[in-house]
C-alpha cells in the first residue's frame, strides 16, 4: 500500500518513461502547438508588430502628402502674415506682428470683398440647393431614362471652370449676348452685366449655380433613396399627397444631408475664385472696374500676385481660414441642436 502511495506522489521521470519513448519526449508532448524555438518566437513577435504597424503604414502616405503640400504651406503662410514680405524680394522679411491684420480691418477693400463674398454666396447657394432638392425629388420617382438624366446633371460638374465661364461670358455679353437679346425681346433694356453691381454678382452666381446644382442633386437623391419606404406608405394611408409627403417625410429625413450641403456650398462660396476672375477679363483680379464682384479669393490674389504684398495676402488667407472655422463651429452647434430635437 505504501509503495503505491509513493508512486502517486512521485511522477515518473524521463528515465521511467514508457519503453520505446526517448527521454524528454514526454515533456515535449506537453508543449505541442506552442513555439519551441527561437525562430518561432521571433516570428510571433514579427507578426504582432506587423498587426500593429500595418494600419499606420497604410495611412502614412496621406499624412506625408498632407503635411508637405497642406500643413507646411499653411504654417508658412501664417509666418508670412506676421511679416512684411514683397514678391520681388522674398529673402527680405521684416517683422510686422499683427499690422497686416490691423490694416485689413481698416481697409474698405477688404470689407467690400467680404460683403461681395457673402452676397454672391447667398445668391448662388440658396437657388442652387432648392433646385437640387427639386430635381432629386423628381428623379426619386420612377422615370424613363433616369440614368441618362443623372449623367446629364453631372455634365456641368465635369466641365472645366474656364470653359463654363467663357460660355457664360458670351451669354452675358453687352453687345450680341443671348441674355440681353432675350431681355430686349420682352421689352427690357439691356444690362451691362460686367459693370452693374447686382447684375455682375448675379452673372457670377449663375455660373456657380449651373456647375453645382446637378452635383448636389445627386447627393440629395442618394439620401432620398435611403429613406425607408414604410414612411411614405404610412403617410399615403393617412391621406397625404406627394407634396405633403415631401414636406413631412422627405425634408425632415434630409436635414443632416441638407446641413452638409449648406456647409460645403458655403465653404465653396468663401473660396470662390475662378469664376469671377475669368468673367472679369482684364479687370478680373479687381472684381470689375469698381470692385463690384471682387471676392476674398480675388482680393488675396490681387494683393499677393498683382501688387506683390505677400504679407497682406497671407493675412487675407488666414482670415478666410478663420471664417471657415467659424462656419464649421456653427455647423457643429446646429447639428447638435438637431440631434437633441430628434432624440427628444
Foldseek 3Di string as FASTA:
>chain_A
DVVVVVPVVDDDAQVRDDPPDHRPVVVVVVVPPDDDDPVRVVVVVVVVCCVVCVVVVVCVVVVVVCCVPPVVVLVVLVVLLQWFAFQVCRPDTDGRGCVLVVVLVVDPLNVLQAVLLVVLLVLQQVVLLVLLLVVLLVLLDDDPPSVVVLVVLQVLQPDDLLVLLVLLLQLLPQPNHVVQVVCVVVPHHRDNQQADQVSVSNSLSVSSSSNCSSVLSVLLNVQQVPFDCVLVVVCVVVPDDPVRCCVPPSVLSCVVVVLVSSLVSSLCSLQDDSNQQSSNPPCSLCSHPVSSNNHLNSPLCCVCPVVRRSNSSSSSVVVSVVVSVVSVVVSVVVVVVSVVVVVD
